[in-house]
Amino acid sequence: MIPIGSHPAWHPVLETLAYASAFAVYRAMRARQGDVIAEAQRWTVLAAAAVGALAGSRLLGIAEQWPTVVEAWRSGQLLRLLIAPGGKTIVGGLLGGWAAVEMAKKLTRIRRRTGDLFAVPLCVGIAVGRVGCFAAGLADDTYGKPTHLPWAVNLGDGIGRHPVQIYEILFLILLAIFLSRPRDWPEGARFRIFLAGYLAWRIAIDFLKPQPLLTGMNLIQWACVAGIASLALGWARTPKGIHEQVAV
């Protein structure tokens, strides 16, 4: 049992460090590998990703708290809940950012796949952010279910829990190593492998979190299922032999 306590003040510090470290890795990879689109187009993609990620993370984060939302609606406190800080989720940010980028690409007629440069930086950023989630303890609402395993952690309430944030950090390290190795992959495959891998991971790991369930899984897990289905459908609809040329 590791009594780490609860330190929510570290969360915004490490969240900021997560953004900074991810962007630093992105810039280093872009400088080393080059880019498939022009500078102006890349900034369009980055702006769309940022706006979509912010909206998606907030919307799914609020929806995830649906019992609280229902109670707030009944008590007339819904607006206060919507504008309160917190209530964001990585899965919503990834799906929202991905959807916004695809819409921006269609509007600006960008035909190349643009996500490969984001894959490893996202692994790094999410891993750093999860350190903040772990340090925040029970205040972050990302803690695991009780367990009697030898590596259970005590987050301040005297209960041994799965260190699900540490599990995710280790998974992301392995995923980043896999994605960073030189491979002759079609354009766009690296990002889609990252996204499919992370969504599949969240479906599995969220069974170790005490979240409200909807027919056997929580809302984030169902969002992951929808994301994986969308990836599979997009890949299947791309004509064979030109996956590296045409954006879904």
Protein backbone atom coordinates (compact mmCIF):
# COMPACT_ATOMS: atom_id res chain seq x y z
CA MET A 1 0.00 0.00 0.00
CA ILE A 2 1.44 3.37 -1.04
CA PRO A 3 -0.17 6.29 0.85
CA ILE A 4 0.33 9.02 -1.73
CA GLY A 5 -2.50 11.21 -0.44
CA SER A 6 -4.39 13.63 -2.67
CA HIS A 7 -2.70 16.56 -4.38
CA PRO A 8 -5.13 18.10 -6.90
CA ALA A 9 -3.00 21.25 -7.18
CA TRP A 10 -0.46 19.25 -9.19
CA HIS A 11 -3.00 18.38 -11.86
CA PRO A 12 -3.07 21.73 -13.76
CA VAL A 13 0.74 21.94 -13.53
CA LEU A 14 1.22 18.52 -15.09
CA GLU A 15 -1.60 19.12 -17.57
CA THR A 16 0.26 22.20 -18.81
CA LEU A 17 3.49 20.19 -18.90
CA ALA A 18 1.65 17.54 -20.94
CA TYR A 19 0.69 20.09 -23.61
CA ALA A 20 4.22 21.53 -23.67
CA SER A 21 5.99 18.17 -23.86
CA ALA A 22 3.66 16.87 -26.58
CA PHE A 23 4.21 19.99 -28.68
CA ALA A 24 7.98 19.77 -28.18
CA VAL A 25 8.00 16.17 -29.41
CA TYR A 26 5.78 17.14 -32.35
CA ARG A 27 8.13 19.97 -33.39
CA ALA A 28 11.19 17.73 -33.11
CA MET A 29 9.58 15.00 -35.22
CA ARG A 30 8.36 17.49 -37.83
CA ALA A 31 11.84 19.02 -38.09
CA ARG A 32 13.41 15.57 -38.53
CA GLN A 33 10.82 13.93 -40.79
CA GLY A 34 9.33 16.86 -42.66
CA ASP A 35 5.63 17.34 -43.30
CA VAL A 36 3.22 16.16 -45.98
CA ILE A 37 1.42 19.52 -46.09
CA ALA A 38 2.47 23.18 -46.24
CA GLU A 39 2.99 25.35 -43.16
CA ALA A 40 -0.29 27.26 -43.56
CA GLN A 41 -2.26 24.03 -44.00
CA ARG A 42 -0.63 22.54 -40.90
CA TRP A 43 -1.71 25.49 -38.78
CA THR A 44 -5.25 25.04 -40.09
CA VAL A 45 -5.13 21.42 -38.98
CA LEU A 46 -3.69 22.34 -35.57
CA ALA A 47 -6.33 25.00 -34.97
CA ALA A 48 -9.14 22.62 -35.93
CA ALA A 49 -7.69 19.92 -33.68
CA ALA A 50 -7.46 22.30 -30.71
CA VAL A 51 -11.04 23.59 -31.06
CA GLY A 52 -12.47 20.13 -31.69
CA ALA A 53 -10.55 18.60 -28.80
CA LEU A 54 -11.74 21.27 -26.38
CA ALA A 55 -15.37 20.87 -27.42
CA GLY A 56 -15.27 17.08 -27.56
CA SER A 57 -13.54 16.64 -24.21
CA ARG A 58 -16.03 18.93 -22.49
CA LEU A 59 -19.15 17.47 -24.09
CA LEU A 60 -18.24 13.85 -23.39
CA GLY A 61 -16.96 14.79 -19.94
CA ILE A 62 -20.32 16.34 -19.05
CA ALA A 63 -22.24 13.47 -20.62
CA GLU A 64 -20.15 10.99 -18.62
CA GLN A 65 -21.56 12.54 -15.45
CA TRP A 66 -25.13 11.92 -16.60
CA PRO A 67 -26.52 11.11 -13.12
CA THR A 68 -25.17 14.48 -11.91
CA VAL A 69 -26.52 16.20 -15.03
CA VAL A 70 -30.00 14.76 -14.43
CA GLU A 71 -29.95 15.92 -10.82
CA ALA A 72 -28.68 19.38 -11.84
CA TRP A 73 -31.50 19.62 -14.40
CA ARG A 74 -34.10 18.78 -11.78
CA SER A 75 -32.68 21.27 -9.29
CA GLY A 76 -32.23 24.07 -11.82
CA GLN A 77 -28.43 24.01 -11.49
CA LEU A 78 -27.62 22.75 -14.99
CA LEU A 79 -26.03 26.00 -16.19
CA ARG A 80 -23.78 26.12 -13.15
CA LEU A 81 -22.66 22.56 -13.87
CA LEU A 82 -21.95 23.32 -17.53
CA ILE A 83 -19.73 26.32 -16.80
CA ALA A 84 -17.93 24.75 -13.82
CA PRO A 85 -14.23 23.84 -14.31
CA GLY A 86 -13.24 20.22 -14.80
CA GLY A 87 -15.40 17.58 -16.44
CA LYS A 88 -13.17 16.83 -19.43
CA THR A 89 -12.08 13.52 -20.89
CA ILE A 90 -9.20 12.50 -23.16
CA VAL A 91 -11.38 10.24 -25.30
CA GLY A 92 -13.75 13.12 -26.08
CA GLY A 93 -10.77 15.32 -26.91
CA LEU A 94 -9.31 12.77 -29.32
CA LEU A 95 -12.61 12.07 -31.07
CA GLY A 96 -13.60 15.75 -31.18
CA GLY A 97 -10.20 16.81 -32.49
CA TRP A 98 -10.21 14.06 -35.12
CA ALA A 99 -13.70 14.98 -36.33
CA ALA A 100 -12.85 18.70 -36.47
CA VAL A 101 -9.67 18.05 -38.46
CA GLU A 102 -11.51 15.92 -41.00
CA MET A 103 -14.14 18.65 -41.47
CA ALA A 104 -11.46 21.34 -41.81
CA LYS A 105 -9.61 19.25 -44.39
CA LYS A 106 -12.73 18.86 -46.48
CA LEU A 107 -13.42 22.61 -46.35
CA THR A 108 -9.84 23.52 -47.28
CA ARG A 109 -9.43 20.65 -49.79
CA ILE A 110 -6.50 19.04 -48.00
CA ARG A 111 -6.26 15.58 -49.52
CA ARG A 112 -3.32 14.18 -47.58
CA ARG A 113 -3.47 12.29 -44.31
CA THR A 114 -2.19 14.66 -41.67
CA GLY A 115 -2.30 12.76 -38.37
CA ASP A 116 0.91 10.74 -38.37
CA LEU A 117 2.94 13.54 -36.77
CA PHE A 118 0.49 13.61 -33.86
CA ALA A 119 0.69 9.92 -32.88
CA VAL A 120 3.84 9.81 -30.74
CA PRO A 121 3.38 13.33 -29.28
CA LEU A 122 -0.12 12.33 -28.14
CA CYS A 123 1.30 9.29 -26.38
CA VAL A 124 3.81 11.51 -24.59
CA GLY A 125 1.29 14.20 -23.67
CA ILE A 126 -1.34 11.80 -22.36
CA ALA A 127 1.28 9.89 -20.33
CA VAL A 128 2.53 13.10 -18.67
CA GLY A 129 -1.04 14.19 -18.00
CA ARG A 130 -1.80 10.87 -16.31
CA VAL A 131 0.93 11.61 -13.78
CA GLY A 132 -1.17 14.59 -12.76
CA CYS A 133 -4.28 12.42 -12.56
CA PHE A 134 -2.42 9.99 -10.30
CA ALA A 135 -1.13 12.78 -8.05
CA ALA A 136 -4.62 14.28 -7.77
CA GLY A 137 -5.88 11.03 -6.27
CA LEU A 138 -9.57 10.77 -5.47
CA ALA A 139 -10.21 14.38 -6.45
CA ASP A 140 -9.63 13.56 -10.14
CA ASP A 141 -12.31 10.85 -10.52
CA THR A 142 -9.96 8.71 -12.64
CA TYR A 143 -9.01 6.30 -9.83
CA GLY A 144 -9.42 2.54 -10.01
CA LYS A 145 -11.62 0.04 -8.24
CA PRO A 146 -10.56 -1.55 -4.94
CA THR A 147 -8.16 -4.47 -5.23
CA HIS A 148 -6.00 -6.67 -2.99
CA LEU A 149 -3.15 -6.93 -5.50
CA PRO A 150 0.34 -6.28 -4.07
CA TRP A 151 0.72 -3.05 -6.08
CA ALA A 152 -2.58 -1.53 -4.92
CA VAL A 153 -2.33 2.16 -3.97
CA ASN A 154 -3.95 4.03 -1.14
CA LEU A 155 -5.18 7.40 -2.43
CA GLY A 156 -5.95 8.74 1.01
CA ASP A 157 -9.12 6.89 1.96
CA GLY A 158 -7.45 3.76 3.32
CA ILE A 159 -8.62 1.59 0.39
CA GLY A 160 -6.18 -0.22 -1.91
CA ARG A 161 -7.04 0.53 -5.53
CA HIS A 162 -5.85 -0.36 -9.02
CA PRO A 163 -3.31 2.30 -10.10
CA VAL A 164 -5.07 2.64 -13.45
CA GLN A 165 -3.18 5.85 -14.30
CA ILE A 166 0.13 3.99 -13.97
CA TYR A 167 -1.23 1.15 -16.11
CA GLU A 168 -2.06 3.71 -18.80
CA ILE A 169 1.35 5.39 -18.62
CA LEU A 170 3.06 2.03 -19.17
CA PHE A 171 0.74 1.22 -22.07
CA LEU A 172 1.43 4.60 -23.70
CA ILE A 173 5.20 4.15 -23.35
CA LEU A 174 4.97 0.82 -25.17
CA LEU A 175 2.67 2.28 -27.83
CA ALA A 176 5.02 5.24 -28.39
CA ILE A 177 8.00 2.90 -28.81
CA PHE A 178 6.05 0.82 -31.33
CA LEU A 179 4.88 3.86 -33.31
CA SER A 180 8.29 5.57 -33.34
CA ARG A 181 10.10 2.68 -35.01
CA PRO A 182 10.82 3.23 -38.72
CA ARG A 183 8.26 1.31 -40.77
CA ASP A 184 7.04 1.44 -44.33
CA TRP A 185 3.45 2.20 -43.41
CA PRO A 186 0.88 3.89 -45.67
CA GLU A 187 0.33 7.57 -44.98
CA GLY A 188 -2.07 7.97 -42.08
CA ALA A 189 -1.64 4.45 -40.72
CA ARG A 190 0.48 5.55 -37.77
CA PHE A 191 -2.20 7.89 -36.41
CA ARG A 192 -4.99 5.40 -36.96
CA ILE A 193 -3.03 2.68 -35.17
CA PHE A 194 -2.52 5.08 -32.26
CA LEU A 195 -6.18 6.06 -32.13
CA ALA A 196 -7.51 2.50 -32.48
CA GLY A 197 -4.99 1.26 -29.93
CA TYR A 198 -5.81 3.92 -27.36
CA LEU A 199 -9.58 3.55 -27.78
CA ALA A 200 -9.31 -0.23 -27.42
CA TRP A 201 -7.17 0.26 -24.32
CA ARG A 202 -9.75 2.56 -22.77
CA ILE A 203 -12.51 0.04 -23.38
CA ALA A 204 -10.48 -2.52 -21.42
CA ILE A 205 -9.06 -0.35 -18.62
CA ASP A 206 -12.32 1.43 -17.82
CA PHE A 207 -13.72 -1.84 -16.49
CA LEU A 208 -11.33 -1.20 -13.58
CA LYS A 209 -12.88 2.22 -12.85
CA PRO A 210 -16.03 2.82 -10.78
CA GLN A 211 -18.01 4.73 -13.40
CA PRO A 212 -21.79 4.82 -14.08
CA LEU A 213 -22.68 2.07 -16.55
CA LEU A 214 -25.00 2.02 -19.55
CA THR A 215 -25.88 -1.57 -20.51
CA GLY A 216 -22.63 -3.01 -19.23
CA MET A 217 -20.15 -0.26 -20.14
CA ASN A 218 -19.71 3.39 -19.26
CA LEU A 219 -20.31 6.22 -21.73
CA ILE A 220 -16.62 6.66 -22.50
CA GLN A 221 -16.35 3.00 -23.44
CA TRP A 222 -19.30 3.32 -25.80
CA ALA A 223 -17.67 6.40 -27.34
CA CYS A 224 -14.53 4.30 -27.88
CA VAL A 225 -16.58 1.61 -29.60
CA ALA A 226 -18.08 4.26 -31.90
CA GLY A 227 -14.62 5.65 -32.66
CA ILE A 228 -13.19 2.24 -33.54
CA ALA A 229 -16.21 1.48 -35.73
CA SER A 230 -15.72 4.81 -37.53
CA LEU A 231 -12.03 4.03 -38.11
CA ALA A 232 -12.87 0.61 -39.50
CA LEU A 233 -15.60 1.99 -41.75
CA GLY A 234 -13.35 4.74 -43.06
CA TRP A 235 -10.56 2.31 -43.85
CA ALA A 236 -12.94 -0.11 -45.55
CA ARG A 237 -14.40 2.67 -47.72
CA THR A 238 -10.99 3.82 -48.97
CA PRO A 239 -10.23 2.26 -52.37
CA LYS A 240 -7.60 -0.45 -52.15
CA GLY A 241 -4.12 0.67 -53.10
CA ILE A 242 -4.59 4.39 -52.44
CA HIS A 243 -4.78 4.49 -48.65
CA GLU A 244 -1.64 6.59 -48.69
CA GLN A 245 -3.16 9.17 -51.04
CA VAL A 246 -6.75 9.81 -50.05
CA ALA A 247 -7.88 11.11 -46.67
CA VAL A 248 -10.95 9.49 -45.17
